[in-house]
Amino acid sequence: MSAEIAVIMGSKSDLPSLKGAFDTLKKFGLAFEARVLSAHRTPDAAAEYAKSAESRGIKIILCAAGMAAHLGGVIAAHTTLPVIGIPMASEPFHGWDALLAMVQMPPGIPVATVTAGPAGAKNAALLAVAILALSNPELAQKLKEFRAAQTRQVEEADAAVQAEIAKL
């Protein structure tokens, strides 16, 4: 199965924060490729990667970056594929700088943006699943089942809390 999703990180240090994205994509049976590319240190390689992604079968690109966080914008500038930015928390601004850089894209070059860090990585993967599910009924069914399971977990937790409160 060829990869439909690319996960790009600006630094190898982002890898642990992306585990939730990788686990989520695997859970849905989606192939992905992962690369370390930098908007600043390897700009030509990042641009070439983005330009060739569609011809390689990639449909969505997830970009994790911290600090100035230009990676998603650089990638989006070189492809018409959807790009989802994942801000990475880093010093000294704890991810605020990355978040603001991603959501302040100029008109015409959008980068969808999720919350910072590991939760954002998982949400970026789920957003990619939802986009692909638009044209994949089997994937859409898996996503509906995933959401239903989440609902059941919350309902079970609520019932457990209610039972504990009743004992007080």
N, C-alpha and C. Protein backbone atom coordinates (compact mmCIF):
# COMPACT_ATOMS: atom_id res chain seq x y z
N MET A 1 0.85 -1.17 0.00
CA MET A 1 0.00 0.00 0.00
C MET A 1 0.90 1.24 0.00
N SER A 2 0.66 2.13 -0.94
CA SER A 2 1.47 3.34 -0.98
C SER A 2 0.92 4.37 0.01
N ALA A 3 1.80 5.21 0.49
CA ALA A 3 1.44 6.20 1.50
C ALA A 3 0.55 7.28 0.91
N GLU A 4 -0.52 7.60 1.63
CA GLU A 4 -1.39 8.71 1.25
C GLU A 4 -1.14 9.93 2.12
N ILE A 5 -0.43 9.71 3.24
CA ILE A 5 -0.18 10.79 4.18
C ILE A 5 1.32 10.92 4.41
N ALA A 6 1.77 12.15 4.40
CA ALA A 6 3.16 12.44 4.74
C ALA A 6 3.17 13.17 6.08
N VAL A 7 4.10 12.79 6.92
CA VAL A 7 4.31 13.46 8.19
C VAL A 7 5.72 14.03 8.15
N ILE A 8 5.81 15.35 8.18
CA ILE A 8 7.10 16.01 8.13
C ILE A 8 7.34 16.69 9.46
N MET A 9 8.53 16.53 9.97
CA MET A 9 8.89 17.21 11.22
C MET A 9 10.12 18.07 10.95
N GLY A 10 10.15 19.21 11.61
CA GLY A 10 11.26 20.13 11.41
C GLY A 10 12.53 19.68 12.09
N SER A 11 12.40 18.78 13.05
CA SER A 11 13.55 18.29 13.81
C SER A 11 13.25 16.89 14.32
N LYS A 12 14.28 16.07 14.45
CA LYS A 12 14.09 14.74 14.99
C LYS A 12 13.53 14.79 16.41
N SER A 13 13.78 15.89 17.12
CA SER A 13 13.28 16.02 18.49
C SER A 13 11.75 16.08 18.54
N ASP A 14 11.10 16.30 17.40
CA ASP A 14 9.63 16.30 17.34
C ASP A 14 9.05 14.90 17.33
N LEU A 15 9.87 13.90 17.06
CA LEU A 15 9.40 12.53 16.88
C LEU A 15 8.56 12.00 18.04
N PRO A 16 8.98 12.14 19.30
CA PRO A 16 8.14 11.62 20.39
C PRO A 16 6.75 12.25 20.45
N SER A 17 6.65 13.52 20.11
CA SER A 17 5.35 14.19 20.13
C SER A 17 4.43 13.72 19.02
N LEU A 18 5.00 13.09 18.00
CA LEU A 18 4.20 12.64 16.86
C LEU A 18 3.72 11.20 16.99
N LYS A 19 4.09 10.53 18.06
CA LYS A 19 3.71 9.12 18.25
C LYS A 19 2.20 8.93 18.14
N GLY A 20 1.41 9.84 18.71
CA GLY A 20 -0.04 9.74 18.64
C GLY A 20 -0.55 9.78 17.21
N ALA A 21 0.08 10.58 16.37
CA ALA A 21 -0.30 10.64 14.96
C ALA A 21 0.00 9.32 14.27
N PHE A 22 1.19 8.79 14.51
CA PHE A 22 1.56 7.52 13.88
C PHE A 22 0.64 6.39 14.34
N ASP A 23 0.38 6.33 15.65
CA ASP A 23 -0.50 5.29 16.20
C ASP A 23 -1.91 5.41 15.62
N THR A 24 -2.40 6.63 15.50
CA THR A 24 -3.75 6.84 14.96
C THR A 24 -3.84 6.43 13.50
N LEU A 25 -2.86 6.83 12.71
CA LEU A 25 -2.88 6.46 11.29
C LEU A 25 -2.81 4.94 11.13
N LYS A 26 -1.99 4.28 11.95
CA LYS A 26 -1.91 2.81 11.89
C LYS A 26 -3.23 2.19 12.30
N LYS A 27 -3.87 2.75 13.33
CA LYS A 27 -5.16 2.22 13.80
C LYS A 27 -6.20 2.22 12.68
N PHE A 28 -6.14 3.22 11.82
CA PHE A 28 -7.08 3.32 10.71
C PHE A 28 -6.56 2.62 9.45
N GLY A 29 -5.42 1.97 9.55
CA GLY A 29 -4.88 1.22 8.41
C GLY A 29 -4.33 2.09 7.30
N LEU A 30 -3.88 3.30 7.65
CA LEU A 30 -3.38 4.21 6.63
C LEU A 30 -1.85 4.20 6.58
N ALA A 31 -1.34 4.04 5.38
CA ALA A 31 0.11 4.08 5.18
C ALA A 31 0.56 5.54 5.19
N PHE A 32 1.73 5.77 5.75
CA PHE A 32 2.28 7.12 5.78
C PHE A 32 3.79 7.05 5.63
N GLU A 33 4.35 8.17 5.25
CA GLU A 33 5.80 8.29 5.25
C GLU A 33 6.15 9.44 6.18
N ALA A 34 7.31 9.36 6.81
CA ALA A 34 7.74 10.39 7.74
C ALA A 34 9.14 10.85 7.37
N ARG A 35 9.34 12.16 7.44
CA ARG A 35 10.63 12.75 7.08
C ARG A 35 10.98 13.88 8.03
N VAL A 36 12.25 14.14 8.17
CA VAL A 36 12.75 15.34 8.85
C VAL A 36 13.23 16.28 7.75
N LEU A 37 12.57 17.42 7.65
CA LEU A 37 12.93 18.46 6.69
C LEU A 37 12.80 19.80 7.39
N SER A 38 13.66 20.71 7.07
CA SER A 38 13.64 22.00 7.73
C SER A 38 13.36 23.11 6.73
N ALA A 39 12.47 24.01 7.11
CA ALA A 39 12.18 25.17 6.26
C ALA A 39 13.40 26.07 6.14
N HIS A 40 14.25 26.06 7.16
CA HIS A 40 15.40 26.96 7.19
C HIS A 40 16.72 26.28 6.86
N ARG A 41 16.90 25.04 7.31
CA ARG A 41 18.18 24.36 7.12
C ARG A 41 18.23 23.51 5.85
N THR A 42 17.07 23.05 5.38
CA THR A 42 17.03 22.29 4.11
C THR A 42 15.88 22.82 3.24
N PRO A 43 15.88 24.11 2.93
CA PRO A 43 14.75 24.69 2.19
C PRO A 43 14.53 24.08 0.81
N ASP A 44 15.60 23.77 0.10
CA ASP A 44 15.46 23.19 -1.24
C ASP A 44 14.86 21.79 -1.16
N ALA A 45 15.31 21.00 -0.20
CA ALA A 45 14.78 19.64 -0.04
C ALA A 45 13.32 19.68 0.38
N ALA A 46 12.96 20.61 1.27
CA ALA A 46 11.57 20.74 1.70
C ALA A 46 10.68 21.12 0.52
N ALA A 47 11.13 22.07 -0.29
CA ALA A 47 10.35 22.50 -1.46
C ALA A 47 10.20 21.36 -2.47
N GLU A 48 11.27 20.65 -2.73
CA GLU A 48 11.22 19.53 -3.68
C GLU A 48 10.30 18.43 -3.18
N TYR A 49 10.36 18.15 -1.89
CA TYR A 49 9.49 17.14 -1.30
C TYR A 49 8.02 17.51 -1.52
N ALA A 50 7.69 18.76 -1.24
CA ALA A 50 6.31 19.22 -1.41
C ALA A 50 5.88 19.17 -2.87
N LYS A 51 6.75 19.58 -3.77
CA LYS A 51 6.43 19.59 -5.20
C LYS A 51 6.18 18.19 -5.74
N SER A 52 6.87 17.20 -5.20
CA SER A 52 6.76 15.83 -5.72
C SER A 52 5.75 14.97 -4.96
N ALA A 53 5.19 15.47 -3.89
CA ALA A 53 4.32 14.66 -3.03
C ALA A 53 3.11 14.10 -3.77
N GLU A 54 2.41 14.94 -4.49
CA GLU A 54 1.19 14.50 -5.17
C GLU A 54 1.49 13.41 -6.19
N SER A 55 2.57 13.55 -6.94
CA SER A 55 2.91 12.54 -7.95
C SER A 55 3.30 11.20 -7.31
N ARG A 56 3.66 11.23 -6.02
CA ARG A 56 4.00 10.00 -5.31
C ARG A 56 2.78 9.39 -4.62
N GLY A 57 1.61 10.00 -4.76
CA GLY A 57 0.39 9.45 -4.18
C GLY A 57 -0.01 10.05 -2.84
N ILE A 58 0.76 11.00 -2.35
CA ILE A 58 0.43 11.67 -1.10
C ILE A 58 -0.82 12.53 -1.33
N LYS A 59 -1.74 12.50 -0.35
CA LYS A 59 -2.97 13.30 -0.45
C LYS A 59 -3.06 14.38 0.61
N ILE A 60 -2.37 14.18 1.74
CA ILE A 60 -2.40 15.13 2.85
C ILE A 60 -1.02 15.16 3.49
N ILE A 61 -0.58 16.35 3.88
CA ILE A 61 0.72 16.48 4.53
C ILE A 61 0.53 17.08 5.92
N LEU A 62 1.06 16.37 6.93
CA LEU A 62 1.08 16.89 8.29
C LEU A 62 2.47 17.46 8.53
N CYS A 63 2.53 18.67 9.07
CA CYS A 63 3.82 19.32 9.32
C CYS A 63 3.93 19.72 10.77
N ALA A 64 4.90 19.15 11.47
CA ALA A 64 5.16 19.48 12.87
C ALA A 64 6.39 20.37 12.93
N ALA A 65 6.23 21.52 13.59
CA ALA A 65 7.37 22.43 13.72
C ALA A 65 7.19 23.30 14.95
N GLY A 66 8.29 23.69 15.52
CA GLY A 66 8.28 24.58 16.66
C GLY A 66 8.95 25.89 16.32
N MET A 67 9.02 26.74 17.30
CA MET A 67 9.66 28.05 17.18
C MET A 67 9.02 28.86 16.07
N ALA A 68 9.76 29.26 15.05
CA ALA A 68 9.20 30.11 14.00
C ALA A 68 8.17 29.37 13.15
N ALA A 69 8.24 28.04 13.12
CA ALA A 69 7.22 27.18 12.50
C ALA A 69 6.88 27.52 11.06
N HIS A 70 7.86 27.79 10.25
CA HIS A 70 7.60 28.11 8.85
C HIS A 70 7.44 26.88 7.96
N LEU A 71 7.68 25.69 8.51
CA LEU A 71 7.68 24.47 7.70
C LEU A 71 6.34 24.26 6.99
N GLY A 72 5.23 24.35 7.71
CA GLY A 72 3.93 24.15 7.07
C GLY A 72 3.68 25.15 5.94
N GLY A 73 4.04 26.39 6.15
CA GLY A 73 3.86 27.42 5.13
C GLY A 73 4.74 27.18 3.92
N VAL A 74 5.98 26.77 4.15
CA VAL A 74 6.89 26.48 3.03
C VAL A 74 6.35 25.31 2.23
N ILE A 75 5.91 24.27 2.92
CA ILE A 75 5.36 23.11 2.22
C ILE A 75 4.10 23.52 1.44
N ALA A 76 3.19 24.24 2.09
CA ALA A 76 1.95 24.67 1.44
C ALA A 76 2.20 25.56 0.22
N ALA A 77 3.27 26.33 0.26
CA ALA A 77 3.60 27.21 -0.86
C ALA A 77 4.03 26.43 -2.11
N HIS A 78 4.39 25.16 -1.92
CA HIS A 78 4.90 24.36 -3.04
C HIS A 78 3.99 23.21 -3.43
N THR A 79 2.76 23.18 -2.90
CA THR A 79 1.81 22.13 -3.27
C THR A 79 0.39 22.65 -3.09
N THR A 80 -0.53 22.04 -3.77
CA THR A 80 -1.95 22.35 -3.55
C THR A 80 -2.61 21.32 -2.66
N LEU A 81 -1.85 20.35 -2.16
CA LEU A 81 -2.39 19.36 -1.23
C LEU A 81 -2.73 20.02 0.10
N PRO A 82 -3.71 19.47 0.84
CA PRO A 82 -3.98 20.00 2.17
C PRO A 82 -2.77 19.82 3.09
N VAL A 83 -2.46 20.86 3.83
CA VAL A 83 -1.36 20.83 4.80
C VAL A 83 -1.97 21.12 6.17
N ILE A 84 -1.65 20.25 7.12
CA ILE A 84 -2.12 20.42 8.50
C ILE A 84 -0.91 20.66 9.37
N GLY A 85 -0.88 21.83 10.01
CA GLY A 85 0.24 22.20 10.87
C GLY A 85 0.04 21.72 12.29
N ILE A 86 1.11 21.22 12.89
CA ILE A 86 1.09 20.78 14.29
C ILE A 86 2.16 21.60 15.02
N PRO A 87 1.75 22.58 15.81
CA PRO A 87 2.74 23.37 16.54
C PRO A 87 3.41 22.53 17.62
N MET A 88 4.71 22.62 17.69
CA MET A 88 5.48 21.91 18.70
C MET A 88 5.85 22.88 19.82
N ALA A 89 5.61 22.46 21.03
CA ALA A 89 5.97 23.28 22.19
C ALA A 89 7.48 23.30 22.34
N SER A 90 8.03 24.49 22.48
CA SER A 90 9.47 24.63 22.68
C SER A 90 9.73 25.93 23.44
N GLU A 91 10.91 26.04 23.97
CA GLU A 91 11.29 27.23 24.72
C GLU A 91 11.57 28.37 23.74
N PRO A 92 11.41 29.60 24.08
CA PRO A 92 10.97 30.09 25.38
C PRO A 92 9.47 30.36 25.47
N PHE A 93 8.72 30.09 24.39
CA PHE A 93 7.32 30.50 24.36
C PHE A 93 6.33 29.34 24.47
N HIS A 94 6.82 28.13 24.70
CA HIS A 94 5.98 26.95 24.98
C HIS A 94 4.98 26.64 23.86
N GLY A 95 5.32 26.93 22.63
CA GLY A 95 4.46 26.60 21.50
C GLY A 95 3.61 27.74 20.98
N TRP A 96 3.51 28.83 21.74
CA TRP A 96 2.71 29.97 21.27
C TRP A 96 3.27 30.55 19.98
N ASP A 97 4.58 30.63 19.88
CA ASP A 97 5.20 31.17 18.68
C ASP A 97 4.88 30.30 17.47
N ALA A 98 4.96 28.99 17.65
CA ALA A 98 4.67 28.07 16.55
C ALA A 98 3.20 28.16 16.15
N LEU A 99 2.31 28.18 17.13
CA LEU A 99 0.88 28.29 16.86
C LEU A 99 0.57 29.56 16.08
N LEU A 100 1.08 30.68 16.56
CA LEU A 100 0.79 31.95 15.88
C LEU A 100 1.36 31.99 14.47
N ALA A 101 2.55 31.43 14.28
CA ALA A 101 3.14 31.39 12.94
C ALA A 101 2.27 30.58 11.98
N MET A 102 1.69 29.50 12.49
CA MET A 102 0.87 28.64 11.62
C MET A 102 -0.49 29.26 11.30
N VAL A 103 -1.13 29.86 12.27
CA VAL A 103 -2.47 30.38 12.01
C VAL A 103 -2.45 31.74 11.31
N GLN A 104 -1.30 32.37 11.21
CA GLN A 104 -1.19 33.68 10.58
C GLN A 104 -0.68 33.58 9.14
N MET A 105 -1.09 32.54 8.42
CA MET A 105 -0.67 32.40 7.03
C MET A 105 -1.33 33.49 6.18
N PRO A 106 -0.62 33.98 5.17
CA PRO A 106 -1.20 35.00 4.30
C PRO A 106 -2.32 34.41 3.45
N PRO A 107 -3.24 35.25 3.01
CA PRO A 107 -4.33 34.75 2.17
C PRO A 107 -3.80 34.03 0.93
N GLY A 108 -4.42 32.92 0.61
CA GLY A 108 -4.08 32.18 -0.59
C GLY A 108 -3.21 30.96 -0.34
N ILE A 109 -2.56 30.87 0.81
CA ILE A 109 -1.71 29.72 1.13
C ILE A 109 -2.14 29.21 2.52
N PRO A 110 -3.24 28.45 2.59
CA PRO A 110 -3.74 28.02 3.90
C PRO A 110 -2.94 26.86 4.49
N VAL A 111 -2.85 26.88 5.80
CA VAL A 111 -2.34 25.75 6.58
C VAL A 111 -3.35 25.53 7.70
N ALA A 112 -4.04 24.40 7.67
CA ALA A 112 -4.94 24.06 8.77
C ALA A 112 -4.06 23.85 9.99
N THR A 113 -4.55 24.21 11.16
CA THR A 113 -3.71 24.12 12.35
C THR A 113 -4.49 23.49 13.50
N VAL A 114 -3.84 22.60 14.20
CA VAL A 114 -4.42 21.94 15.37
C VAL A 114 -3.69 22.42 16.62
N THR A 115 -4.10 21.94 17.77
CA THR A 115 -3.47 22.33 19.02
C THR A 115 -2.01 21.85 19.06
N ALA A 116 -1.26 22.39 19.98
CA ALA A 116 0.17 22.09 20.06
C ALA A 116 0.44 20.72 20.69
N GLY A 117 1.56 20.14 20.31
CA GLY A 117 2.09 18.95 20.95
C GLY A 117 1.40 17.65 20.61
N PRO A 118 1.52 16.66 21.51
CA PRO A 118 1.00 15.32 21.24
C PRO A 118 -0.50 15.28 20.96
N ALA A 119 -1.31 16.07 21.66
CA ALA A 119 -2.75 16.09 21.38
C ALA A 119 -3.00 16.60 19.96
N GLY A 120 -2.24 17.59 19.55
CA GLY A 120 -2.37 18.12 18.20
C GLY A 120 -1.97 17.10 17.15
N ALA A 121 -0.94 16.31 17.44
CA ALA A 121 -0.52 15.28 16.49
C ALA A 121 -1.63 14.27 16.26
N LYS A 122 -2.26 13.84 17.34
CA LYS A 122 -3.37 12.89 17.20
C LYS A 122 -4.52 13.54 16.44
N ASN A 123 -4.85 14.78 16.78
CA ASN A 123 -5.94 15.47 16.08
C ASN A 123 -5.62 15.70 14.61
N ALA A 124 -4.37 15.99 14.30
CA ALA A 124 -3.99 16.16 12.89
C ALA A 124 -4.21 14.87 12.12
N ALA A 125 -3.85 13.75 12.73
CA ALA A 125 -4.08 12.45 12.09
C ALA A 125 -5.57 12.20 11.90
N LEU A 126 -6.37 12.53 12.92
CA LEU A 126 -7.82 12.33 12.80
C LEU A 126 -8.44 13.24 11.75
N LEU A 127 -7.92 14.46 11.63
CA LEU A 127 -8.40 15.35 10.58
C LEU A 127 -8.04 14.80 9.20
N ALA A 128 -6.84 14.25 9.08
CA ALA A 128 -6.45 13.62 7.81
C ALA A 128 -7.36 12.43 7.50
N VAL A 129 -7.68 11.64 8.51
CA VAL A 129 -8.60 10.51 8.32
C VAL A 129 -9.95 11.03 7.83
N ALA A 130 -10.46 12.07 8.46
CA ALA A 130 -11.76 12.62 8.07
C ALA A 130 -11.75 13.12 6.63
N ILE A 131 -10.66 13.75 6.21
CA ILE A 131 -10.56 14.24 4.83
C ILE A 131 -10.56 13.07 3.86
N LEU A 132 -9.76 12.06 4.15
CA LEU A 132 -9.71 10.89 3.26
C LEU A 132 -11.03 10.12 3.27
N ALA A 133 -11.73 10.14 4.40
CA ALA A 133 -13.01 9.43 4.52
C ALA A 133 -14.08 10.00 3.61
N LEU A 134 -13.92 11.23 3.16
CA LEU A 134 -14.89 11.83 2.23
C LEU A 134 -15.03 11.02 0.95
N SER A 135 -13.96 10.35 0.54
CA SER A 135 -14.02 9.55 -0.69
C SER A 135 -13.72 8.07 -0.44
N ASN A 136 -13.82 7.65 0.83
CA ASN A 136 -13.52 6.26 1.17
C ASN A 136 -14.55 5.77 2.18
N PRO A 137 -15.63 5.12 1.72
CA PRO A 137 -16.69 4.69 2.63
C PRO A 137 -16.21 3.76 3.76
N GLU A 138 -15.25 2.90 3.49
CA GLU A 138 -14.74 2.00 4.52
C GLU A 138 -14.04 2.80 5.63
N LEU A 139 -13.26 3.77 5.23
CA LEU A 139 -12.59 4.63 6.20
C LEU A 139 -13.61 5.48 6.97
N ALA A 140 -14.63 5.95 6.29
CA ALA A 140 -15.69 6.73 6.95
C ALA A 140 -16.38 5.89 8.02
N GLN A 141 -16.61 4.62 7.74
CA GLN A 141 -17.24 3.74 8.72
C GLN A 141 -16.33 3.54 9.93
N LYS A 142 -15.03 3.34 9.68
CA LYS A 142 -14.07 3.19 10.78
C LYS A 142 -14.05 4.45 11.66
N LEU A 143 -14.15 5.62 11.04
CA LEU A 143 -14.15 6.86 11.80
C LEU A 143 -15.41 6.99 12.64
N LYS A 144 -16.54 6.59 12.08
CA LYS A 144 -17.80 6.61 12.85
C LYS A 144 -17.71 5.66 14.04
N GLU A 145 -17.12 4.50 13.83
CA GLU A 145 -16.96 3.54 14.93
C GLU A 145 -16.01 4.08 16.00
N PHE A 146 -14.95 4.74 15.57
CA PHE A 146 -14.01 5.35 16.51
C PHE A 146 -14.72 6.39 17.37
N ARG A 147 -15.52 7.24 16.73
CA ARG A 147 -16.26 8.27 17.47
C ARG A 147 -17.27 7.65 18.43
N ALA A 148 -17.94 6.60 17.99
CA ALA A 148 -18.91 5.92 18.86
C ALA A 148 -18.22 5.31 20.08
N ALA A 149 -17.03 4.75 19.88
CA ALA A 149 -16.28 4.17 20.99
C ALA A 149 -15.87 5.25 21.99
N GLN A 150 -15.49 6.42 21.48
CA GLN A 150 -15.17 7.55 22.37
C GLN A 150 -16.38 7.94 23.21
N THR A 151 -17.54 7.98 22.57
CA THR A 151 -18.78 8.33 23.27
C THR A 151 -19.06 7.32 24.37
N ARG A 152 -18.92 6.04 24.06
CA ARG A 152 -19.15 5.00 25.07
C ARG A 152 -18.19 5.15 26.25
N GLN A 153 -16.94 5.47 25.98
CA GLN A 153 -15.96 5.64 27.06
C GLN A 153 -16.37 6.77 28.00
N VAL A 154 -16.85 7.87 27.45
CA VAL A 154 -17.28 8.99 28.29
C VAL A 154 -18.53 8.60 29.07
N GLU A 155 -19.47 7.92 28.42
CA GLU A 155 -20.68 7.49 29.11
C GLU A 155 -20.35 6.53 30.26
N GLU A 156 -19.41 5.62 30.03
CA GLU A 156 -19.00 4.69 31.08
C GLU A 156 -18.31 5.42 32.23
N ALA A 157 -17.50 6.41 31.91
CA ALA A 157 -16.84 7.20 32.95
C ALA A 157 -17.86 7.98 33.75
N ASP A 158 -18.85 8.52 33.08
CA ASP A 158 -19.91 9.27 33.78
C ASP A 158 -20.68 8.34 34.71
N ALA A 159 -21.01 7.15 34.26
CA ALA A 159 -21.74 6.20 35.10
C ALA A 159 -20.91 5.83 36.32
N ALA A 160 -19.60 5.65 36.13
CA ALA A 160 -18.73 5.32 37.26
C ALA A 160 -18.68 6.47 38.27
N VAL A 161 -18.61 7.69 37.78
CA VAL A 161 -18.60 8.84 38.68
C VAL A 161 -19.92 8.96 39.42
N GLN A 162 -21.01 8.76 38.72
CA GLN A 162 -22.33 8.83 39.36
C GLN A 162 -22.46 7.78 40.45
N ALA A 163 -21.94 6.58 40.20
CA ALA A 163 -21.99 5.51 41.21
C ALA A 163 -21.15 5.88 42.42
N GLU A 164 -19.99 6.48 42.20
CA GLU A 164 -19.14 6.91 43.32
C GLU A 164 -19.82 8.00 44.14
N ILE A 165 -20.44 8.93 43.47
CA ILE A 165 -21.12 10.03 44.17
C ILE A 165 -22.30 9.49 44.97
N ALA A 166 -23.00 8.52 44.44
CA ALA A 166 -24.15 7.95 45.13
C ALA A 166 -23.74 7.28 46.44
N LYS A 167 -22.48 6.81 46.54
CA LYS A 167 -21.98 6.16 47.74
C LYS A 167 -21.61 7.17 48.85
N LEU A 168 -21.47 8.43 48.49
CA LEU A 168 -21.06 9.44 49.47
C LEU A 168 -22.12 9.74 50.50
